[in-house]
Amino acid sequence: MAGKKPTRDLLGIIWQNFWRSLQPRRIRGTYIGEDYFGNKYYEIPPNPSLGKRKPSRWFEPADKDAFDQELTAEWEAWLRGRRDDPPTREELVKNLQIMELKKRNAAELDAHYRKEKDAGALPKQVEGETIGTFPKYKEYEINPGKKPLG
Protein backbone atom coordinates (compact mmCIF):
# COMPACT_ATOMS: atom_id res chain seq x y z
CA MET A 1 0.00 0.00 0.00
CA ALA A 2 2.86 2.38 0.67
CA GLY A 3 4.06 2.09 -2.95
CA LYS A 4 0.60 2.65 -4.44
CA LYS A 5 0.35 5.71 -6.74
CA PRO A 6 -2.49 8.18 -6.19
CA THR A 7 -5.20 7.86 -8.81
CA ARG A 8 -6.44 10.90 -10.67
CA ASP A 9 -10.05 11.66 -10.11
CA LEU A 10 -10.92 13.16 -13.49
CA LEU A 11 -14.48 14.05 -12.57
CA GLY A 12 -13.28 15.65 -9.34
CA ILE A 13 -10.78 17.82 -11.22
CA ILE A 14 -13.44 18.89 -13.71
CA TRP A 15 -15.84 19.72 -10.89
CA GLN A 16 -13.19 21.76 -9.00
CA ASN A 17 -12.29 23.74 -12.12
CA PHE A 18 -15.96 24.39 -12.87
CA TRP A 19 -16.58 25.55 -9.29
CA ARG A 20 -13.53 27.88 -9.36
CA SER A 21 -14.70 29.39 -12.65
CA LEU A 22 -17.96 30.50 -11.02
CA GLN A 23 -16.23 32.30 -8.17
CA PRO A 24 -15.11 35.91 -8.68
CA ARG A 25 -11.47 36.38 -9.54
CA ARG A 26 -9.19 37.66 -6.87
CA ILE A 27 -6.65 39.64 -8.85
CA ARG A 28 -4.30 41.49 -6.58
CA GLY A 29 -2.55 44.27 -8.42
CA THR A 30 -0.46 47.14 -7.18
CA TYR A 31 -2.24 50.50 -7.16
CA ILE A 32 -0.19 52.80 -9.40
CA GLY A 33 -2.14 56.04 -9.61
CA GLU A 34 -5.21 58.00 -10.62
CA ASP A 35 -5.97 60.52 -13.37
CA TYR A 36 -8.09 63.67 -13.20
CA PHE A 37 -11.11 61.78 -14.60
CA GLY A 38 -11.10 59.56 -11.49
CA ASN A 39 -9.85 56.36 -13.22
CA LYS A 40 -7.60 54.17 -11.05
CA TYR A 41 -4.66 52.30 -12.58
CA TYR A 42 -3.15 48.96 -11.44
CA GLU A 43 -0.26 46.73 -12.44
CA ILE A 44 0.99 43.20 -11.83
CA PRO A 45 4.75 43.20 -12.55
CA PRO A 46 6.26 40.66 -14.97
CA ASN A 47 7.44 37.32 -13.62
CA PRO A 48 9.87 35.68 -16.07
CA SER A 49 10.08 32.52 -13.94
CA LEU A 50 6.41 31.88 -14.79
CA GLY A 51 6.92 32.84 -18.44
CA LYS A 52 5.30 36.23 -18.02
CA ARG A 53 7.51 38.81 -19.74
CA LYS A 54 5.21 41.81 -19.79
CA PRO A 55 3.40 43.42 -16.87
CA SER A 56 -0.39 43.22 -16.69
CA ARG A 57 -1.86 46.71 -16.57
CA TRP A 58 -5.47 47.79 -16.30
CA PHE A 59 -7.68 50.52 -14.96
CA GLU A 60 -10.94 50.78 -13.06
CA PRO A 61 -13.14 53.50 -14.55
CA ALA A 62 -14.67 56.13 -12.32
CA ASP A 63 -18.10 55.31 -13.76
CA LYS A 64 -18.30 51.54 -14.02
CA ASP A 65 -21.26 51.64 -16.43
CA ALA A 66 -19.67 53.97 -19.00
CA PHE A 67 -18.18 52.09 -21.94
CA ASP A 68 -16.75 55.17 -23.65
CA GLN A 69 -14.29 56.12 -20.91
CA GLU A 70 -11.91 58.99 -21.52
CA LEU A 71 -8.28 58.31 -20.74
CA THR A 72 -5.44 60.78 -20.71
CA ALA A 73 -2.81 60.21 -23.40
CA GLU A 74 -0.09 59.65 -20.79
CA TRP A 75 -1.99 56.92 -18.95
CA GLU A 76 -3.08 55.26 -22.19
CA ALA A 77 0.55 55.10 -23.34
CA TRP A 78 1.46 53.47 -20.01
CA LEU A 79 -1.39 50.96 -20.28
CA ARG A 80 -0.36 49.94 -23.80
CA GLY A 81 3.28 49.54 -22.76
CA ARG A 82 4.62 52.42 -24.87
CA ARG A 83 6.18 53.90 -21.76
CA ASP A 84 7.73 52.09 -18.82
CA ASP A 85 7.03 54.53 -16.00
CA PRO A 86 3.55 55.78 -15.13
CA PRO A 87 2.96 59.51 -15.56
CA THR A 88 3.57 61.76 -12.57
CA ARG A 89 1.02 64.20 -11.19
CA GLU A 90 3.27 67.12 -12.25
CA GLU A 91 3.42 65.82 -15.84
CA LEU A 92 -0.36 65.48 -15.98
CA VAL A 93 -0.90 69.01 -14.62
CA LYS A 94 1.65 70.50 -17.04
CA ASN A 95 0.07 68.77 -20.05
CA LEU A 96 -3.42 69.82 -18.93
CA GLN A 97 -2.26 73.45 -18.76
CA ILE A 98 -0.76 73.18 -22.26
CA MET A 99 -4.03 71.71 -23.53
CA GLU A 100 -6.03 74.58 -22.01
CA LEU A 101 -3.61 77.14 -23.51
CA LYS A 102 -4.01 75.58 -26.97
CA LYS A 103 -7.80 75.69 -26.66
CA ARG A 104 -7.67 79.40 -25.73
CA ASN A 105 -5.30 80.18 -28.61
CA ALA A 106 -7.50 78.29 -31.08
CA ALA A 107 -10.58 80.21 -29.91
CA GLU A 108 -8.74 83.53 -30.30
CA LEU A 109 -7.54 82.64 -33.80
CA ASP A 110 -11.02 81.51 -34.79
CA ALA A 111 -12.51 84.80 -33.58
CA HIS A 112 -9.79 86.80 -35.37
CA TYR A 113 -10.28 85.06 -38.73
CA ARG A 114 -14.03 85.13 -38.42
CA LYS A 115 -13.84 88.92 -37.94
CA GLU A 116 -11.60 89.26 -41.03
CA LYS A 117 -13.93 87.10 -43.09
CA ASP A 118 -16.94 89.20 -42.08
CA ALA A 119 -15.05 92.42 -42.91
CA GLY A 120 -14.33 91.18 -46.45
CA ALA A 121 -10.57 90.64 -46.35
CA LEU A 122 -10.33 89.86 -50.08
CA PRO A 123 -9.01 92.66 -52.29
CA LYS A 124 -11.49 94.53 -54.47
CA GLN A 125 -11.80 93.49 -58.11
CA VAL A 126 -11.15 96.10 -60.80
CA GLU A 127 -14.48 96.77 -62.51
CA GLY A 128 -14.94 95.39 -66.03
CA GLU A 129 -11.39 94.10 -66.43
CA THR A 130 -10.78 90.38 -66.59
CA ILE A 131 -8.27 88.10 -68.25
CA GLY A 132 -10.35 85.40 -69.81
CA THR A 133 -12.59 84.29 -66.99
CA PHE A 134 -10.19 85.23 -64.20
CA PRO A 135 -10.70 88.36 -62.09
CA LYS A 136 -8.07 91.10 -62.14
CA TYR A 137 -6.92 92.84 -58.93
CA LYS A 138 -4.84 96.04 -58.55
CA GLU A 139 -2.65 94.50 -55.84
CA TYR A 140 -1.45 91.55 -57.96
CA GLU A 141 0.84 91.35 -61.01
CA ILE A 142 -0.61 90.03 -64.23
CA ASN A 143 2.78 89.34 -65.81
CA PRO A 144 5.61 88.54 -63.43
CA GLY A 145 8.14 91.36 -63.15
CA LYS A 146 5.85 94.07 -64.57
CA LYS A 147 4.12 96.71 -62.45
CA PRO A 148 0.56 96.01 -61.31
CA LEU A 149 -2.35 98.00 -62.73
CA GLY A 150 -3.32 101.28 -61.26
C-alpha atoms as a PDB file:
ATOM      1  CA  MET A   1       0.000   0.000   0.000  1.00  0.00           C
ATOM      2  CA  ALA A   2       2.863   2.376   0.674  1.00  0.00           C
ATOM      3  CA  GLY A   3       4.061   2.085  -2.947  1.00  0.00           C
ATOM      4  CA  LYS A   4       0.598   2.648  -4.443  1.00  0.00           C
ATOM      5  CA  LYS A   5       0.351   5.711  -6.742  1.00  0.00           C
ATOM      6  CA  PRO A   6      -2.489   8.177  -6.186  1.00  0.00           C
ATOM      7  CA  THR A   7      -5.203   7.859  -8.811  1.00  0.00           C
ATOM      8  CA  ARG A   8      -6.443  10.900 -10.673  1.00  0.00           C
ATOM      9  CA  ASP A   9     -10.051  11.659 -10.110  1.00  0.00           C
ATOM     10  CA  LEU A  10     -10.921  13.157 -13.492  1.00  0.00           C
ATOM     11  CA  LEU A  11     -14.480  14.050 -12.573  1.00  0.00           C
ATOM     12  CA  GLY A  12     -13.278  15.647  -9.341  1.00  0.00           C
ATOM     13  CA  ILE A  13     -10.777  17.819 -11.220  1.00  0.00           C
ATOM     14  CA  ILE A  14     -13.440  18.892 -13.713  1.00  0.00           C
ATOM     15  CA  TRP A  15     -15.838  19.721 -10.886  1.00  0.00           C
ATOM     16  CA  GLN A  16     -13.188  21.762  -9.005  1.00  0.00           C
ATOM     17  CA  ASN A  17     -12.287  23.744 -12.121  1.00  0.00           C
ATOM     18  CA  PHE A  18     -15.959  24.390 -12.867  1.00  0.00           C
ATOM     19  CA  TRP A  19     -16.583  25.554  -9.288  1.00  0.00           C
ATOM     20  CA  ARG A  20     -13.534  27.878  -9.359  1.00  0.00           C
ATOM     21  CA  SER A  21     -14.702  29.388 -12.647  1.00  0.00           C
ATOM     22  CA  LEU A  22     -17.964  30.498 -11.023  1.00  0.00           C
ATOM     23  CA  GLN A  23     -16.225  32.303  -8.167  1.00  0.00           C
ATOM     24  CA  PRO A  24     -15.107  35.913  -8.684  1.00  0.00           C
ATOM     25  CA  ARG A  25     -11.467  36.384  -9.545  1.00  0.00           C
ATOM     26  CA  ARG A  26      -9.189  37.659  -6.868  1.00  0.00           C
ATOM     27  CA  ILE A  27      -6.652  39.637  -8.848  1.00  0.00           C
ATOM     28  CA  ARG A  28      -4.300  41.493  -6.580  1.00  0.00           C
ATOM     29  CA  GLY A  29      -2.546  44.269  -8.422  1.00  0.00           C
ATOM     30  CA  THR A  30      -0.460  47.143  -7.178  1.00  0.00           C
ATOM     31  CA  TYR A  31      -2.244  50.495  -7.162  1.00  0.00           C
ATOM     32  CA  ILE A  32      -0.191  52.797  -9.400  1.00  0.00           C
ATOM     33  CA  GLY A  33      -2.139  56.038  -9.610  1.00  0.00           C
ATOM     34  CA  GLU A  34      -5.212  57.998 -10.621  1.00  0.00           C
ATOM     35  CA  ASP A  35      -5.972  60.523 -13.366  1.00  0.00           C
ATOM     36  CA  TYR A  36      -8.090  63.670 -13.198  1.00  0.00           C
ATOM     37  CA  PHE A  37     -11.110  61.782 -14.597  1.00  0.00           C
ATOM     38  CA  GLY A  38     -11.100  59.557 -11.492  1.00  0.00           C
ATOM     39  CA  ASN A  39      -9.851  56.362 -13.216  1.00  0.00           C
ATOM     40  CA  LYS A  40      -7.605  54.169 -11.050  1.00  0.00           C
ATOM     41  CA  TYR A  41      -4.657  52.298 -12.577  1.00  0.00           C
ATOM     42  CA  TYR A  42      -3.154  48.964 -11.444  1.00  0.00           C
ATOM     43  CA  GLU A  43      -0.258  46.733 -12.436  1.00  0.00           C
ATOM     44  CA  ILE A  44       0.992  43.203 -11.833  1.00  0.00           C
ATOM     45  CA  PRO A  45       4.754  43.199 -12.551  1.00  0.00           C
ATOM     46  CA  PRO A  46       6.260  40.657 -14.972  1.00  0.00           C
ATOM     47  CA  ASN A  47       7.443  37.325 -13.620  1.00  0.00           C
ATOM     48  CA  PRO A  48       9.865  35.677 -16.068  1.00  0.00           C
ATOM     49  CA  SER A  49      10.075  32.517 -13.943  1.00  0.00           C
ATOM     50  CA  LEU A  50       6.409  31.878 -14.790  1.00  0.00           C
ATOM     51  CA  GLY A  51       6.921  32.837 -18.436  1.00  0.00           C
ATOM     52  CA  LYS A  52       5.302  36.226 -18.021  1.00  0.00           C
ATOM     53  CA  ARG A  53       7.512  38.812 -19.740  1.00  0.00           C
ATOM     54  CA  LYS A  54       5.207  41.814 -19.793  1.00  0.00           C
ATOM     55  CA  PRO A  55       3.398  43.418 -16.872  1.00  0.00           C
ATOM     56  CA  SER A  56      -0.389  43.223 -16.689  1.00  0.00           C
ATOM     57  CA  ARG A  57      -1.860  46.715 -16.574  1.00  0.00           C
ATOM     58  CA  TRP A  58      -5.473  47.792 -16.299  1.00  0.00           C
ATOM     59  CA  PHE A  59      -7.682  50.523 -14.961  1.00  0.00           C
ATOM     60  CA  GLU A  60     -10.936  50.780 -13.061  1.00  0.00           C
ATOM     61  CA  PRO A  61     -13.138  53.503 -14.549  1.00  0.00           C
ATOM     62  CA  ALA A  62     -14.668  56.132 -12.322  1.00  0.00           C
ATOM     63  CA  ASP A  63     -18.103  55.314 -13.762  1.00  0.00           C
ATOM     64  CA  LYS A  64     -18.301  51.539 -14.019  1.00  0.00           C
ATOM     65  CA  ASP A  65     -21.260  51.640 -16.435  1.00  0.00           C
ATOM     66  CA  ALA A  66     -19.666  53.968 -19.001  1.00  0.00           C
ATOM     67  CA  PHE A  67     -18.176  52.089 -21.940  1.00  0.00           C
ATOM     68  CA  ASP A  68     -16.746  55.174 -23.653  1.00  0.00           C
ATOM     69  CA  GLN A  69     -14.289  56.125 -20.907  1.00  0.00           C
ATOM     70  CA  GLU A  70     -11.911  58.994 -21.523  1.00  0.00           C
ATOM     71  CA  LEU A  71      -8.277  58.312 -20.742  1.00  0.00           C
ATOM     72  CA  THR A  72      -5.439  60.778 -20.711  1.00  0.00           C
ATOM     73  CA  ALA A  73      -2.808  60.210 -23.400  1.00  0.00           C
ATOM     74  CA  GLU A  74      -0.088  59.653 -20.792  1.00  0.00           C
ATOM     75  CA  TRP A  75      -1.989  56.922 -18.948  1.00  0.00           C
ATOM     76  CA  GLU A  76      -3.081  55.261 -22.191  1.00  0.00           C
ATOM     77  CA  ALA A  77       0.552  55.096 -23.340  1.00  0.00           C
ATOM     78  CA  TRP A  78       1.463  53.467 -20.006  1.00  0.00           C
ATOM     79  CA  LEU A  79      -1.394  50.959 -20.278  1.00  0.00           C
ATOM     80  CA  ARG A  80      -0.358  49.940 -23.802  1.00  0.00           C
ATOM     81  CA  GLY A  81       3.278  49.541 -22.764  1.00  0.00           C
ATOM     82  CA  ARG A  82       4.617  52.422 -24.874  1.00  0.00           C
ATOM     83  CA  ARG A  83       6.177  53.896 -21.758  1.00  0.00           C
ATOM     84  CA  ASP A  84       7.734  52.085 -18.815  1.00  0.00           C
ATOM     85  CA  ASP A  85       7.033  54.526 -16.005  1.00  0.00           C
ATOM     86  CA  PRO A  86       3.552  55.784 -15.135  1.00  0.00           C
ATOM     87  CA  PRO A  87       2.963  59.512 -15.560  1.00  0.00           C
ATOM     88  CA  THR A  88       3.566  61.756 -12.571  1.00  0.00           C
ATOM     89  CA  ARG A  89       1.021  64.204 -11.191  1.00  0.00           C
ATOM     90  CA  GLU A  90       3.274  67.121 -12.253  1.00  0.00           C
ATOM     91  CA  GLU A  91       3.420  65.816 -15.835  1.00  0.00           C
ATOM     92  CA  LEU A  92      -0.365  65.484 -15.983  1.00  0.00           C
ATOM     93  CA  VAL A  93      -0.899  69.009 -14.618  1.00  0.00           C
ATOM     94  CA  LYS A  94       1.651  70.503 -17.041  1.00  0.00           C
ATOM     95  CA  ASN A  95       0.074  68.772 -20.053  1.00  0.00           C
ATOM     96  CA  LEU A  96      -3.415  69.818 -18.934  1.00  0.00           C
ATOM     97  CA  GLN A  97      -2.263  73.445 -18.759  1.00  0.00           C
ATOM     98  CA  ILE A  98      -0.759  73.177 -22.260  1.00  0.00           C
ATOM     99  CA  MET A  99      -4.035  71.707 -23.533  1.00  0.00           C
ATOM    100  CA  GLU A 100      -6.030  74.579 -22.013  1.00  0.00           C
ATOM    101  CA  LEU A 101      -3.612  77.141 -23.511  1.00  0.00           C
ATOM    102  CA  LYS A 102      -4.012  75.584 -26.973  1.00  0.00           C
ATOM    103  CA  LYS A 103      -7.796  75.688 -26.656  1.00  0.00           C
ATOM    104  CA  ARG A 104      -7.674  79.401 -25.735  1.00  0.00           C
ATOM    105  CA  ASN A 105      -5.302  80.184 -28.610  1.00  0.00           C
ATOM    106  CA  ALA A 106      -7.498  78.290 -31.085  1.00  0.00           C
ATOM    107  CA  ALA A 107     -10.579  80.205 -29.908  1.00  0.00           C
ATOM    108  CA  GLU A 108      -8.739  83.529 -30.299  1.00  0.00           C
ATOM    109  CA  LEU A 109      -7.539  82.637 -33.802  1.00  0.00           C
ATOM    110  CA  ASP A 110     -11.016  81.510 -34.788  1.00  0.00           C
ATOM    111  CA  ALA A 111     -12.507  84.799 -33.576  1.00  0.00           C
ATOM    112  CA  HIS A 112      -9.794  86.803 -35.371  1.00  0.00           C
ATOM    113  CA  TYR A 113     -10.276  85.059 -38.730  1.00  0.00           C
ATOM    114  CA  ARG A 114     -14.032  85.130 -38.420  1.00  0.00           C
ATOM    115  CA  LYS A 115     -13.840  88.920 -37.939  1.00  0.00           C
ATOM    116  CA  GLU A 116     -11.604  89.264 -41.032  1.00  0.00           C
ATOM    117  CA  LYS A 117     -13.933  87.099 -43.089  1.00  0.00           C
ATOM    118  CA  ASP A 118     -16.939  89.199 -42.078  1.00  0.00           C
ATOM    119  CA  ALA A 119     -15.047  92.417 -42.912  1.00  0.00           C
ATOM    120  CA  GLY A 120     -14.329  91.179 -46.453  1.00  0.00           C
ATOM    121  CA  ALA A 121     -10.573  90.643 -46.348  1.00  0.00           C
ATOM    122  CA  LEU A 122     -10.334  89.858 -50.083  1.00  0.00           C
ATOM    123  CA  PRO A 123      -9.008  92.662 -52.291  1.00  0.00           C
ATOM    124  CA  LYS A 124     -11.491  94.532 -54.472  1.00  0.00           C
ATOM    125  CA  GLN A 125     -11.798  93.494 -58.106  1.00  0.00           C
ATOM    126  CA  VAL A 126     -11.149  96.099 -60.803  1.00  0.00           C
ATOM    127  CA  GLU A 127     -14.484  96.771 -62.511  1.00  0.00           C
ATOM    128  CA  GLY A 128     -14.944  95.392 -66.026  1.00  0.00           C
ATOM    129  CA  GLU A 129     -11.394  94.098 -66.428  1.00  0.00           C
ATOM    130  CA  THR A 130     -10.777  90.382 -66.590  1.00  0.00           C
ATOM    131  CA  ILE A 131      -8.270  88.100 -68.248  1.00  0.00           C
ATOM    132  CA  GLY A 132     -10.349  85.402 -69.813  1.00  0.00           C
ATOM    133  CA  THR A 133     -12.589  84.288 -66.993  1.00  0.00           C
ATOM    134  CA  PHE A 134     -10.188  85.226 -64.199  1.00  0.00           C
ATOM    135  CA  PRO A 135     -10.697  88.358 -62.094  1.00  0.00           C
ATOM    136  CA  LYS A 136      -8.072  91.105 -62.136  1.00  0.00           C
ATOM    137  CA  TYR A 137      -6.917  92.838 -58.925  1.00  0.00           C
ATOM    138  CA  LYS A 138      -4.843  96.039 -58.552  1.00  0.00           C
ATOM    139  CA  GLU A 139      -2.649  94.501 -55.838  1.00  0.00           C
ATOM    140  CA  TYR A 140      -1.445  91.549 -57.965  1.00  0.00           C
ATOM    141  CA  GLU A 141       0.840  91.351 -61.008  1.00  0.00           C
ATOM    142  CA  ILE A 142      -0.607  90.031 -64.232  1.00  0.00           C
ATOM    143  CA  ASN A 143       2.778  89.345 -65.807  1.00  0.00           C
ATOM    144  CA  PRO A 144       5.615  88.543 -63.427  1.00  0.00           C
ATOM    145  CA  GLY A 145       8.141  91.359 -63.153  1.00  0.00           C
ATOM    146  CA  LYS A 146       5.847  94.066 -64.566  1.00  0.00           C
ATOM    147  CA  LYS A 147       4.118  96.712 -62.451  1.00  0.00           C
ATOM    148  CA  PRO A 148       0.563  96.007 -61.314  1.00  0.00           C
ATOM    149  CA  LEU A 149      -2.351  98.001 -62.727  1.00  0.00           C
ATOM    150  CA  GLY A 150      -3.321 101.278 -61.256  1.00  0.00           C
END
